[in-house]
Amino acid sequence: MIDLYTWATPNGRKVSIALEEMGLPYEAHAIDITKDEQFDPAFLKIAPNNKIPAIVDRDNGLTLMESGAILIYLAEKSGKLLPTEPIARMKTLEWLMWQMGGFGPMLGQAHQYLKFNKGKAPFAEERFAKEVRRLYGVLDTQLGREQYVAGEYSIADLSIWPWASRHEWQEISLHDFPNVKRWYVELAGREAVQKGYHVPKFTQDIPMP
């Protein structure tokens, strides 16, 4: 059994979707970041960086933070969604790191400047809007070559898709990126993605292009 400490954010949804796809039993615990519950001392013992998601594996007592590390751990535990063949494995990890190092952080900045603080910092708005479009272009090119981001359906897709699900916050039309749109709609139709998206609670229907 996995204890999942999470909230309805892209990083949180990565892990709940992965758990659903992998069929691992888990119990979700809501950490309401709008009420600063991530700074609770009890949560700090699990996640020293005070950020969701985090897990506790009851099977071995492991506590783990950082969504990318959690995805790798769960994939290895379940034997699903991370290839064992060396080259395929590294391609999957390559795109996971792309999300962790670029797609997620840059889109997160876009949320701050394009949605929540519109008009306050024109330079930042222009910078992050331009970078977001560039990153979607990178993803669109890759998905023009492959059905899924790293070739086969994997944790790379699960790490990227929840960030793309906030395309409206980023002022992105998926119609401008047809390969991303095809991939996004396909994943949105998966039962596990739909279930995982609504953990720990329902906030809205999955945004569709």
N, C-alpha and C. Protein backbone atom coordinates (compact mmCIF):
# COMPACT_ATOMS: atom_id res chain seq x y z
N MET A 1 0.84 -1.19 0.00
CA MET A 1 0.00 0.00 0.00
C MET A 1 0.88 1.24 0.00
N ILE A 2 0.53 2.19 -0.86
CA ILE A 2 1.23 3.47 -0.95
C ILE A 2 0.35 4.56 -0.34
N ASP A 3 0.91 5.35 0.55
CA ASP A 3 0.25 6.57 1.01
C ASP A 3 0.71 7.70 0.12
N LEU A 4 -0.23 8.35 -0.54
CA LEU A 4 0.08 9.46 -1.44
C LEU A 4 -0.40 10.77 -0.82
N TYR A 5 0.51 11.68 -0.63
CA TYR A 5 0.21 13.01 -0.11
C TYR A 5 0.24 13.97 -1.29
N THR A 6 -0.90 14.59 -1.58
CA THR A 6 -1.02 15.25 -2.87
C THR A 6 -2.05 16.37 -2.86
N TRP A 7 -2.09 17.09 -3.95
CA TRP A 7 -3.11 18.11 -4.19
C TRP A 7 -3.37 18.15 -5.69
N ALA A 8 -4.42 18.86 -6.09
CA ALA A 8 -4.86 18.87 -7.50
C ALA A 8 -4.01 19.83 -8.32
N THR A 9 -2.74 19.45 -8.52
CA THR A 9 -1.80 20.22 -9.33
C THR A 9 -1.19 19.28 -10.37
N PRO A 10 -0.52 19.83 -11.38
CA PRO A 10 0.13 18.93 -12.35
C PRO A 10 1.09 17.94 -11.71
N ASN A 11 1.92 18.39 -10.79
CA ASN A 11 2.87 17.47 -10.17
C ASN A 11 2.16 16.41 -9.33
N GLY A 12 1.12 16.79 -8.64
CA GLY A 12 0.36 15.82 -7.88
C GLY A 12 -0.34 14.81 -8.77
N ARG A 13 -0.91 15.29 -9.87
CA ARG A 13 -1.65 14.41 -10.76
C ARG A 13 -0.75 13.40 -11.47
N LYS A 14 0.51 13.75 -11.68
CA LYS A 14 1.43 12.78 -12.28
C LYS A 14 1.39 11.46 -11.51
N VAL A 15 1.46 11.57 -10.19
CA VAL A 15 1.63 10.37 -9.37
C VAL A 15 0.31 9.62 -9.22
N SER A 16 -0.79 10.32 -9.03
CA SER A 16 -2.06 9.61 -8.91
C SER A 16 -2.43 8.92 -10.22
N ILE A 17 -2.13 9.56 -11.36
CA ILE A 17 -2.38 8.90 -12.64
C ILE A 17 -1.48 7.67 -12.78
N ALA A 18 -0.22 7.81 -12.39
CA ALA A 18 0.70 6.66 -12.48
C ALA A 18 0.21 5.51 -11.61
N LEU A 19 -0.22 5.79 -10.40
CA LEU A 19 -0.71 4.73 -9.52
C LEU A 19 -1.91 4.03 -10.12
N GLU A 20 -2.79 4.80 -10.76
CA GLU A 20 -3.96 4.18 -11.41
C GLU A 20 -3.52 3.33 -12.60
N GLU A 21 -2.60 3.85 -13.40
CA GLU A 21 -2.14 3.10 -14.57
C GLU A 21 -1.41 1.82 -14.16
N MET A 22 -0.66 1.88 -13.09
CA MET A 22 0.14 0.73 -12.65
C MET A 22 -0.66 -0.26 -11.83
N GLY A 23 -1.84 0.14 -11.38
CA GLY A 23 -2.68 -0.75 -10.58
C GLY A 23 -2.15 -0.99 -9.19
N LEU A 24 -1.37 -0.05 -8.67
CA LEU A 24 -0.84 -0.19 -7.31
C LEU A 24 -1.86 0.32 -6.30
N PRO A 25 -2.10 -0.40 -5.22
CA PRO A 25 -3.03 0.08 -4.21
C PRO A 25 -2.46 1.29 -3.49
N TYR A 26 -3.31 2.28 -3.28
CA TYR A 26 -2.84 3.49 -2.60
C TYR A 26 -3.98 4.17 -1.87
N GLU A 27 -3.60 5.00 -0.92
CA GLU A 27 -4.54 5.83 -0.20
C GLU A 27 -4.08 7.27 -0.34
N ALA A 28 -4.97 8.13 -0.81
CA ALA A 28 -4.63 9.53 -1.04
C ALA A 28 -4.94 10.37 0.19
N HIS A 29 -4.02 11.26 0.51
CA HIS A 29 -4.18 12.20 1.61
C HIS A 29 -4.04 13.61 1.04
N ALA A 30 -5.08 14.41 1.19
CA ALA A 30 -5.06 15.76 0.63
C ALA A 30 -4.18 16.68 1.47
N ILE A 31 -3.27 17.37 0.80
CA ILE A 31 -2.46 18.41 1.42
C ILE A 31 -2.85 19.71 0.73
N ASP A 32 -3.69 20.47 1.38
CA ASP A 32 -4.27 21.68 0.77
C ASP A 32 -3.22 22.79 0.77
N ILE A 33 -2.59 22.99 -0.38
CA ILE A 33 -1.53 24.00 -0.46
C ILE A 33 -2.11 25.42 -0.42
N THR A 34 -3.41 25.57 -0.65
CA THR A 34 -4.00 26.91 -0.52
C THR A 34 -4.14 27.32 0.94
N LYS A 35 -4.00 26.36 1.84
CA LYS A 35 -4.04 26.63 3.28
C LYS A 35 -2.68 26.39 3.94
N ASP A 36 -1.63 26.27 3.13
CA ASP A 36 -0.26 26.07 3.61
C ASP A 36 -0.08 24.79 4.41
N GLU A 37 -0.91 23.78 4.11
CA GLU A 37 -0.78 22.52 4.84
C GLU A 37 0.53 21.80 4.53
N GLN A 38 1.21 22.20 3.44
CA GLN A 38 2.49 21.57 3.11
C GLN A 38 3.58 21.96 4.10
N PHE A 39 3.32 22.97 4.95
CA PHE A 39 4.30 23.38 5.94
C PHE A 39 4.04 22.77 7.32
N ASP A 40 3.06 21.89 7.40
CA ASP A 40 2.77 21.21 8.65
C ASP A 40 3.97 20.36 9.06
N PRO A 41 4.37 20.38 10.32
CA PRO A 41 5.55 19.61 10.76
C PRO A 41 5.44 18.11 10.44
N ALA A 42 4.25 17.56 10.50
CA ALA A 42 4.10 16.13 10.20
C ALA A 42 4.41 15.85 8.73
N PHE A 43 3.99 16.76 7.85
CA PHE A 43 4.29 16.57 6.43
C PHE A 43 5.77 16.81 6.14
N LEU A 44 6.37 17.72 6.90
CA LEU A 44 7.79 18.02 6.73
C LEU A 44 8.65 16.77 6.94
N LYS A 45 8.23 15.89 7.82
CA LYS A 45 8.98 14.66 8.07
C LYS A 45 8.98 13.75 6.83
N ILE A 46 7.96 13.87 6.01
CA ILE A 46 7.84 13.05 4.81
C ILE A 46 8.49 13.74 3.62
N ALA A 47 8.28 15.06 3.52
CA ALA A 47 8.76 15.83 2.38
C ALA A 47 9.57 17.03 2.89
N PRO A 48 10.88 16.89 3.05
CA PRO A 48 11.70 17.95 3.63
C PRO A 48 11.66 19.26 2.85
N ASN A 49 11.24 19.22 1.58
CA ASN A 49 11.16 20.45 0.77
C ASN A 49 9.79 21.09 0.82
N ASN A 50 8.89 20.56 1.65
CA ASN A 50 7.55 21.14 1.84
C ASN A 50 6.75 21.25 0.55
N LYS A 51 6.89 20.28 -0.33
CA LYS A 51 6.12 20.32 -1.57
C LYS A 51 5.47 18.97 -1.82
N ILE A 52 4.27 19.03 -2.42
CA ILE A 52 3.62 17.80 -2.87
C ILE A 52 4.08 17.53 -4.30
N PRO A 53 4.01 16.26 -4.72
CA PRO A 53 3.54 15.09 -4.00
C PRO A 53 4.68 14.45 -3.20
N ALA A 54 4.25 13.58 -2.30
CA ALA A 54 5.19 12.74 -1.57
C ALA A 54 4.48 11.42 -1.30
N ILE A 55 5.27 10.37 -1.09
CA ILE A 55 4.68 9.06 -0.81
C ILE A 55 5.37 8.42 0.39
N VAL A 56 4.63 7.50 0.99
CA VAL A 56 5.19 6.56 1.95
C VAL A 56 4.79 5.17 1.47
N ASP A 57 5.77 4.31 1.29
CA ASP A 57 5.50 2.93 0.90
C ASP A 57 5.41 2.11 2.18
N ARG A 58 4.21 1.65 2.49
CA ARG A 58 4.01 0.89 3.73
C ARG A 58 4.74 -0.46 3.70
N ASP A 59 5.07 -0.93 2.50
CA ASP A 59 5.74 -2.22 2.39
C ASP A 59 7.15 -2.19 2.99
N ASN A 60 7.81 -1.04 2.89
CA ASN A 60 9.21 -0.97 3.35
C ASN A 60 9.53 0.28 4.15
N GLY A 61 8.53 1.15 4.36
CA GLY A 61 8.74 2.35 5.16
C GLY A 61 9.40 3.50 4.42
N LEU A 62 9.65 3.34 3.12
CA LEU A 62 10.31 4.39 2.36
C LEU A 62 9.43 5.63 2.27
N THR A 63 10.02 6.79 2.56
CA THR A 63 9.37 8.07 2.27
C THR A 63 10.10 8.69 1.09
N LEU A 64 9.34 9.30 0.19
CA LEU A 64 9.95 9.82 -1.03
C LEU A 64 9.22 11.06 -1.48
N MET A 65 10.01 12.10 -1.80
CA MET A 65 9.47 13.32 -2.38
C MET A 65 10.02 13.46 -3.81
N GLU A 66 9.60 14.50 -4.50
CA GLU A 66 9.98 14.81 -5.88
C GLU A 66 9.27 13.86 -6.86
N SER A 67 8.40 14.46 -7.67
CA SER A 67 7.53 13.66 -8.52
C SER A 67 8.29 12.78 -9.51
N GLY A 68 9.40 13.26 -10.06
CA GLY A 68 10.15 12.43 -10.99
C GLY A 68 10.73 11.20 -10.32
N ALA A 69 11.30 11.38 -9.13
CA ALA A 69 11.84 10.25 -8.38
C ALA A 69 10.74 9.27 -8.02
N ILE A 70 9.58 9.80 -7.65
CA ILE A 70 8.45 8.94 -7.29
C ILE A 70 8.01 8.11 -8.48
N LEU A 71 7.92 8.74 -9.66
CA LEU A 71 7.51 8.00 -10.85
C LEU A 71 8.47 6.87 -11.18
N ILE A 72 9.77 7.13 -11.08
CA ILE A 72 10.75 6.08 -11.34
C ILE A 72 10.60 4.95 -10.33
N TYR A 73 10.44 5.31 -9.06
CA TYR A 73 10.30 4.29 -8.02
C TYR A 73 9.06 3.42 -8.26
N LEU A 74 7.94 4.06 -8.54
CA LEU A 74 6.71 3.30 -8.74
C LEU A 74 6.78 2.43 -9.99
N ALA A 75 7.44 2.94 -11.04
CA ALA A 75 7.60 2.15 -12.26
C ALA A 75 8.43 0.90 -11.98
N GLU A 76 9.50 1.07 -11.21
CA GLU A 76 10.35 -0.09 -10.89
C GLU A 76 9.63 -1.04 -9.93
N LYS A 77 8.85 -0.51 -9.02
CA LYS A 77 8.12 -1.36 -8.08
C LYS A 77 7.07 -2.20 -8.81
N SER A 78 6.38 -1.57 -9.77
CA SER A 78 5.30 -2.26 -10.47
C SER A 78 5.78 -3.04 -11.70
N GLY A 79 6.95 -2.67 -12.21
CA GLY A 79 7.42 -3.27 -13.45
C GLY A 79 6.69 -2.75 -14.67
N LYS A 80 6.12 -1.55 -14.56
CA LYS A 80 5.32 -0.99 -15.66
C LYS A 80 5.77 0.45 -15.98
N LEU A 81 5.64 0.78 -17.25
CA LEU A 81 5.78 2.16 -17.76
C LEU A 81 7.19 2.72 -17.71
N LEU A 82 8.19 1.85 -17.52
CA LEU A 82 9.58 2.24 -17.67
C LEU A 82 10.32 1.05 -18.27
N PRO A 83 10.75 1.15 -19.53
CA PRO A 83 11.39 0.01 -20.17
C PRO A 83 12.64 -0.46 -19.42
N THR A 84 12.94 -1.72 -19.53
CA THR A 84 14.17 -2.26 -18.94
C THR A 84 15.31 -2.31 -19.96
N GLU A 85 14.98 -2.34 -21.25
CA GLU A 85 16.01 -2.32 -22.28
C GLU A 85 16.76 -0.99 -22.17
N PRO A 86 18.10 -1.00 -22.12
CA PRO A 86 18.86 0.19 -21.76
C PRO A 86 18.58 1.43 -22.60
N ILE A 87 18.53 1.31 -23.92
CA ILE A 87 18.34 2.50 -24.75
C ILE A 87 16.94 3.06 -24.58
N ALA A 88 15.93 2.19 -24.58
CA ALA A 88 14.55 2.65 -24.39
C ALA A 88 14.37 3.27 -23.02
N ARG A 89 15.04 2.69 -22.02
CA ARG A 89 14.96 3.24 -20.67
C ARG A 89 15.55 4.65 -20.62
N MET A 90 16.70 4.84 -21.24
CA MET A 90 17.33 6.15 -21.21
C MET A 90 16.52 7.19 -21.99
N LYS A 91 15.88 6.79 -23.09
CA LYS A 91 15.03 7.73 -23.82
C LYS A 91 13.85 8.16 -22.97
N THR A 92 13.30 7.22 -22.21
CA THR A 92 12.19 7.57 -21.31
C THR A 92 12.67 8.54 -20.24
N LEU A 93 13.81 8.25 -19.64
CA LEU A 93 14.34 9.13 -18.60
C LEU A 93 14.74 10.49 -19.18
N GLU A 94 15.21 10.50 -20.41
CA GLU A 94 15.55 11.76 -21.08
C GLU A 94 14.35 12.71 -21.11
N TRP A 95 13.19 12.17 -21.52
CA TRP A 95 12.01 13.02 -21.62
C TRP A 95 11.38 13.31 -20.27
N LEU A 96 11.56 12.41 -19.32
CA LEU A 96 11.15 12.72 -17.95
C LEU A 96 11.96 13.91 -17.42
N MET A 97 13.27 13.90 -17.66
CA MET A 97 14.11 15.00 -17.21
C MET A 97 13.79 16.29 -17.96
N TRP A 98 13.41 16.17 -19.23
CA TRP A 98 12.98 17.35 -20.00
C TRP A 98 11.78 18.02 -19.33
N GLN A 99 10.86 17.19 -18.89
CA GLN A 99 9.71 17.77 -18.19
C GLN A 99 10.12 18.38 -16.86
N MET A 100 10.93 17.66 -16.11
CA MET A 100 11.31 18.14 -14.78
C MET A 100 12.15 19.41 -14.84
N GLY A 101 13.00 19.50 -15.86
CA GLY A 101 13.92 20.63 -15.93
C GLY A 101 13.42 21.81 -16.73
N GLY A 102 12.45 21.60 -17.63
CA GLY A 102 12.02 22.67 -18.51
C GLY A 102 10.53 22.85 -18.61
N PHE A 103 9.84 21.82 -19.11
CA PHE A 103 8.41 21.97 -19.39
C PHE A 103 7.62 22.35 -18.13
N GLY A 104 7.86 21.66 -17.02
CA GLY A 104 7.15 21.98 -15.79
C GLY A 104 7.51 23.34 -15.21
N PRO A 105 8.81 23.60 -14.97
CA PRO A 105 9.17 24.89 -14.39
C PRO A 105 8.78 26.10 -15.23
N MET A 106 8.95 26.02 -16.55
CA MET A 106 8.61 27.16 -17.40
C MET A 106 7.11 27.38 -17.48
N LEU A 107 6.35 26.28 -17.54
CA LEU A 107 4.90 26.43 -17.56
C LEU A 107 4.39 26.95 -16.22
N GLY A 108 5.04 26.52 -15.14
CA GLY A 108 4.68 27.03 -13.83
C GLY A 108 4.88 28.53 -13.73
N GLN A 109 5.98 29.04 -14.31
CA GLN A 109 6.20 30.49 -14.33
C GLN A 109 5.15 31.18 -15.19
N ALA A 110 4.79 30.55 -16.30
CA ALA A 110 3.74 31.12 -17.15
C ALA A 110 2.43 31.25 -16.39
N HIS A 111 2.11 30.28 -15.55
CA HIS A 111 0.90 30.38 -14.74
C HIS A 111 0.94 31.62 -13.86
N GLN A 112 2.09 31.87 -13.26
CA GLN A 112 2.22 33.02 -12.36
C GLN A 112 2.02 34.34 -13.09
N TYR A 113 2.62 34.46 -14.28
CA TYR A 113 2.61 35.75 -14.97
C TYR A 113 1.47 35.92 -15.96
N LEU A 114 1.02 34.83 -16.59
CA LEU A 114 -0.02 34.95 -17.60
C LEU A 114 -1.42 34.76 -17.04
N LYS A 115 -1.55 34.04 -15.92
CA LYS A 115 -2.88 33.82 -15.34
C LYS A 115 -3.09 34.62 -14.06
N PHE A 116 -2.18 34.50 -13.11
CA PHE A 116 -2.43 35.05 -11.78
C PHE A 116 -1.96 36.49 -11.61
N ASN A 117 -1.03 36.94 -12.44
CA ASN A 117 -0.49 38.30 -12.27
C ASN A 117 -0.42 39.04 -13.60
N LYS A 118 -1.44 38.86 -14.41
CA LYS A 118 -1.47 39.46 -15.73
C LYS A 118 -1.34 40.98 -15.65
N GLY A 119 -0.45 41.53 -16.47
CA GLY A 119 -0.28 42.97 -16.54
C GLY A 119 0.72 43.56 -15.57
N LYS A 120 1.25 42.74 -14.67
CA LYS A 120 2.16 43.27 -13.65
C LYS A 120 3.62 43.26 -14.11
N ALA A 121 3.98 42.40 -15.03
CA ALA A 121 5.38 42.27 -15.44
C ALA A 121 5.42 41.92 -16.93
N PRO A 122 5.25 42.92 -17.80
CA PRO A 122 5.19 42.64 -19.25
C PRO A 122 6.41 41.88 -19.78
N PHE A 123 7.61 42.20 -19.29
CA PHE A 123 8.80 41.49 -19.76
C PHE A 123 8.71 40.01 -19.44
N ALA A 124 8.31 39.68 -18.19
CA ALA A 124 8.19 38.28 -17.79
C ALA A 124 7.09 37.58 -18.58
N GLU A 125 5.99 38.26 -18.80
CA GLU A 125 4.91 37.67 -19.59
C GLU A 125 5.39 37.31 -20.98
N GLU A 126 6.10 38.23 -21.63
CA GLU A 126 6.60 37.97 -22.97
C GLU A 126 7.62 36.83 -22.97
N ARG A 127 8.52 36.86 -21.99
CA ARG A 127 9.56 35.84 -21.93
C ARG A 127 8.98 34.45 -21.76
N PHE A 128 8.07 34.29 -20.79
CA PHE A 128 7.57 32.95 -20.51
C PHE A 128 6.55 32.50 -21.56
N ALA A 129 5.79 33.42 -22.13
CA ALA A 129 4.88 33.04 -23.21
C ALA A 129 5.66 32.51 -24.40
N LYS A 130 6.78 33.16 -24.72
CA LYS A 130 7.61 32.72 -25.83
C LYS A 130 8.24 31.36 -25.54
N GLU A 131 8.74 31.18 -24.33
CA GLU A 131 9.38 29.91 -23.98
C GLU A 131 8.38 28.76 -23.94
N VAL A 132 7.17 29.03 -23.46
CA VAL A 132 6.14 28.00 -23.42
C VAL A 132 5.82 27.52 -24.84
N ARG A 133 5.68 28.45 -25.77
CA ARG A 133 5.39 28.07 -27.15
C ARG A 133 6.56 27.28 -27.75
N ARG A 134 7.78 27.66 -27.40
CA ARG A 134 8.93 26.91 -27.89
C ARG A 134 8.90 25.47 -27.39
N LEU A 135 8.60 25.30 -26.09
CA LEU A 135 8.57 23.96 -25.51
C LEU A 135 7.44 23.12 -26.10
N TYR A 136 6.29 23.71 -26.31
CA TYR A 136 5.22 22.97 -26.98
C TYR A 136 5.64 22.57 -28.39
N GLY A 137 6.42 23.43 -29.04
CA GLY A 137 6.92 23.08 -30.36
C GLY A 137 7.87 21.90 -30.32
N VAL A 138 8.73 21.85 -29.32
CA VAL A 138 9.62 20.70 -29.13
C VAL A 138 8.81 19.42 -28.94
N LEU A 139 7.80 19.50 -28.09
CA LEU A 139 6.95 18.34 -27.82
C LEU A 139 6.18 17.93 -29.07
N ASP A 140 5.70 18.91 -29.83
CA ASP A 140 4.93 18.60 -31.04
C ASP A 140 5.82 17.89 -32.07
N THR A 141 7.05 18.35 -32.20
CA THR A 141 7.98 17.70 -33.13
C THR A 141 8.24 16.26 -32.72
N GLN A 142 8.47 16.03 -31.43
CA GLN A 142 8.73 14.68 -30.95
C GLN A 142 7.53 13.77 -31.18
N LEU A 143 6.33 14.30 -30.92
CA LEU A 143 5.12 13.50 -31.09
C LEU A 143 4.73 13.35 -32.57
N GLY A 144 5.39 14.09 -33.43
CA GLY A 144 5.26 13.84 -34.86
C GLY A 144 6.08 12.64 -35.30
N ARG A 145 7.07 12.30 -34.49
CA ARG A 145 7.94 11.14 -34.79
C ARG A 145 7.45 9.87 -34.12
N GLU A 146 6.83 10.03 -32.94
CA GLU A 146 6.46 8.89 -32.10
C GLU A 146 5.01 9.01 -31.66
N GLN A 147 4.35 7.87 -31.44
CA GLN A 147 2.99 7.92 -30.93
C GLN A 147 2.95 8.47 -29.52
N TYR A 148 3.94 8.05 -28.72
CA TYR A 148 4.08 8.55 -27.36
C TYR A 148 5.45 9.21 -27.23
N VAL A 149 5.65 9.95 -26.17
CA VAL A 149 6.80 10.84 -26.11
C VAL A 149 8.13 10.11 -26.28
N ALA A 150 8.29 8.98 -25.62
CA ALA A 150 9.56 8.25 -25.70
C ALA A 150 9.44 6.98 -26.51
N GLY A 151 8.43 6.90 -27.35
CA GLY A 151 8.24 5.73 -28.20
C GLY A 151 7.09 4.87 -27.75
N GLU A 152 7.17 4.35 -26.52
CA GLU A 152 6.06 3.58 -25.96
C GLU A 152 5.50 4.35 -24.76
N TYR A 153 4.26 4.06 -24.44
CA TYR A 153 3.59 4.75 -23.34
C TYR A 153 4.38 4.52 -22.06
N SER A 154 4.66 5.61 -21.34
CA SER A 154 5.58 5.50 -20.21
C SER A 154 5.38 6.62 -19.20
N ILE A 155 6.20 6.59 -18.17
CA ILE A 155 6.16 7.66 -17.17
C ILE A 155 6.54 9.01 -17.77
N ALA A 156 7.21 9.03 -18.91
CA ALA A 156 7.49 10.30 -19.57
C ALA A 156 6.18 10.98 -19.96
N ASP A 157 5.26 10.22 -20.55
CA ASP A 157 3.95 10.78 -20.90
C ASP A 157 3.20 11.25 -19.66
N LEU A 158 3.26 10.44 -18.60
CA LEU A 158 2.52 10.77 -17.39
C LEU A 158 3.07 12.00 -16.69
N SER A 159 4.35 12.30 -16.91
CA SER A 159 4.93 13.48 -16.29
C SER A 159 4.57 14.75 -17.06
N ILE A 160 4.41 14.64 -18.37
CA ILE A 160 4.18 15.80 -19.22
C ILE A 160 2.70 16.15 -19.34
N TRP A 161 1.86 15.13 -19.48
CA TRP A 161 0.45 15.36 -19.77
C TRP A 161 -0.26 16.27 -18.75
N PRO A 162 -0.06 16.09 -17.44
CA PRO A 162 -0.78 16.96 -16.50
C PRO A 162 -0.44 18.44 -16.65
N TRP A 163 0.79 18.74 -17.07
CA TRP A 163 1.15 20.14 -17.32
C TRP A 163 0.44 20.65 -18.57
N ALA A 164 0.34 19.82 -19.60
CA ALA A 164 -0.38 20.22 -20.80
C ALA A 164 -1.87 20.40 -20.53
N SER A 165 -2.37 19.74 -19.49
CA SER A 165 -3.80 19.87 -19.19
C SER A 165 -4.16 21.27 -18.69
N ARG A 166 -3.15 22.07 -18.39
CA ARG A 166 -3.40 23.47 -18.03
C ARG A 166 -3.02 24.41 -19.17
N HIS A 167 -3.22 23.94 -20.39
CA HIS A 167 -2.86 24.74 -21.56
C HIS A 167 -3.57 26.09 -21.58
N GLU A 168 -4.79 26.15 -21.06
CA GLU A 168 -5.52 27.43 -21.06
C GLU A 168 -4.82 28.44 -20.16
N TRP A 169 -4.28 27.99 -19.03
CA TRP A 169 -3.56 28.89 -18.13
C TRP A 169 -2.32 29.46 -18.82
N GLN A 170 -1.79 28.72 -19.78
CA GLN A 170 -0.55 29.10 -20.47
C GLN A 170 -0.82 29.87 -21.76
N GLU A 171 -2.11 30.15 -22.02
CA GLU A 171 -2.53 30.84 -23.24
C GLU A 171 -2.10 30.08 -24.49
N ILE A 172 -2.22 28.76 -24.40
CA ILE A 172 -1.87 27.87 -25.50
C ILE A 172 -3.13 27.23 -26.07
N SER A 173 -3.25 27.27 -27.39
CA SER A 173 -4.29 26.49 -28.07
C SER A 173 -3.64 25.23 -28.62
N LEU A 174 -4.15 24.09 -28.20
CA LEU A 174 -3.58 22.83 -28.69
C LEU A 174 -3.83 22.63 -30.19
N HIS A 175 -4.75 23.39 -30.74
CA HIS A 175 -4.98 23.31 -32.19
C HIS A 175 -3.75 23.78 -32.96
N ASP A 176 -2.91 24.59 -32.31
CA ASP A 176 -1.68 25.06 -32.95
C ASP A 176 -0.58 24.00 -32.95
N PHE A 177 -0.81 22.93 -32.19
CA PHE A 177 0.19 21.87 -32.05
C PHE A 177 -0.53 20.52 -32.27
N PRO A 178 -0.79 20.17 -33.53
CA PRO A 178 -1.67 19.03 -33.82
C PRO A 178 -1.19 17.70 -33.28
N ASN A 179 0.12 17.49 -33.22
CA ASN A 179 0.61 16.22 -32.67
C ASN A 179 0.41 16.15 -31.17
N VAL A 180 0.61 17.27 -30.49
CA VAL A 180 0.33 17.34 -29.06
C VAL A 180 -1.16 17.13 -28.82
N LYS A 181 -1.98 17.76 -29.63
CA LYS A 181 -3.43 17.62 -29.48
C LYS A 181 -3.86 16.16 -29.62
N ARG A 182 -3.35 15.46 -30.64
CA ARG A 182 -3.69 14.05 -30.84
C ARG A 182 -3.33 13.23 -29.62
N TRP A 183 -2.11 13.41 -29.13
CA TRP A 183 -1.61 12.69 -27.95
C TRP A 183 -2.39 13.06 -26.70
N TYR A 184 -2.65 14.35 -26.52
CA TYR A 184 -3.36 14.82 -25.33
C TYR A 184 -4.76 14.23 -25.25
N VAL A 185 -5.48 14.26 -26.36
CA VAL A 185 -6.85 13.75 -26.38
C VAL A 185 -6.86 12.24 -26.13
N GLU A 186 -5.90 11.52 -26.72
CA GLU A 186 -5.82 10.07 -26.50
C GLU A 186 -5.64 9.75 -25.02
N LEU A 187 -4.70 10.43 -24.38
CA LEU A 187 -4.46 10.16 -22.96
C LEU A 187 -5.65 10.58 -22.11
N ALA A 188 -6.28 11.67 -22.47
CA ALA A 188 -7.44 12.14 -21.70
C ALA A 188 -8.58 11.13 -21.72
N GLY A 189 -8.60 10.27 -22.75
CA GLY A 189 -9.64 9.26 -22.84
C GLY A 189 -9.35 7.99 -22.07
N ARG A 190 -8.16 7.88 -21.48
CA ARG A 190 -7.80 6.68 -20.73
C ARG A 190 -8.48 6.71 -19.36
N GLU A 191 -9.03 5.57 -18.97
CA GLU A 191 -9.74 5.49 -17.69
C GLU A 191 -8.83 5.84 -16.52
N ALA A 192 -7.61 5.35 -16.53
CA ALA A 192 -6.69 5.61 -15.42
C ALA A 192 -6.34 7.09 -15.33
N VAL A 193 -6.19 7.75 -16.48
CA VAL A 193 -5.90 9.18 -16.48
C VAL A 193 -7.08 9.95 -15.90
N GLN A 194 -8.27 9.57 -16.29
CA GLN A 194 -9.45 10.25 -15.78
C GLN A 194 -9.60 10.07 -14.27
N LYS A 195 -9.34 8.87 -13.78
CA LYS A 195 -9.43 8.63 -12.34
C LYS A 195 -8.34 9.38 -11.59
N GLY A 196 -7.12 9.30 -12.08
CA GLY A 196 -6.01 9.94 -11.40
C GLY A 196 -6.09 11.45 -11.41
N TYR A 197 -6.69 12.00 -12.45
CA TYR A 197 -6.81 13.45 -12.56
C TYR A 197 -7.64 14.03 -11.41
N HIS A 198 -8.59 13.27 -10.93
CA HIS A 198 -9.52 13.76 -9.91
C HIS A 198 -9.12 13.37 -8.49
N VAL A 199 -7.83 13.11 -8.27
CA VAL A 199 -7.29 12.83 -6.93
C VAL A 199 -6.51 14.06 -6.48
N PRO A 200 -6.71 14.53 -5.25
CA PRO A 200 -7.50 13.94 -4.17
C PRO A 200 -8.96 14.37 -4.17
N LYS A 201 -9.35 15.27 -5.12
CA LYS A 201 -10.75 15.67 -5.17
C LYS A 201 -11.05 16.19 -6.56
N PHE A 202 -12.33 16.23 -6.90
CA PHE A 202 -12.76 16.79 -8.18
C PHE A 202 -12.66 18.31 -8.13
N THR A 203 -12.02 18.89 -9.12
CA THR A 203 -11.98 20.35 -9.22
C THR A 203 -12.67 20.84 -10.49
N GLN A 204 -12.48 20.12 -11.59
CA GLN A 204 -13.12 20.46 -12.86
C GLN A 204 -12.96 19.28 -13.79
N ASP A 205 -13.75 19.27 -14.86
CA ASP A 205 -13.55 18.26 -15.89
C ASP A 205 -12.19 18.48 -16.56
N ILE A 206 -11.64 17.43 -17.13
CA ILE A 206 -10.39 17.56 -17.86
C ILE A 206 -10.58 18.56 -18.99
N PRO A 207 -9.77 19.63 -19.04
CA PRO A 207 -9.91 20.60 -20.14
C PRO A 207 -9.61 19.95 -21.49
N MET A 208 -10.48 20.20 -22.44
CA MET A 208 -10.30 19.61 -23.77
C MET A 208 -10.13 20.73 -24.80
N PRO A 209 -9.33 20.46 -25.84
CA PRO A 209 -9.11 21.47 -26.88
C PRO A 209 -10.38 21.72 -27.71
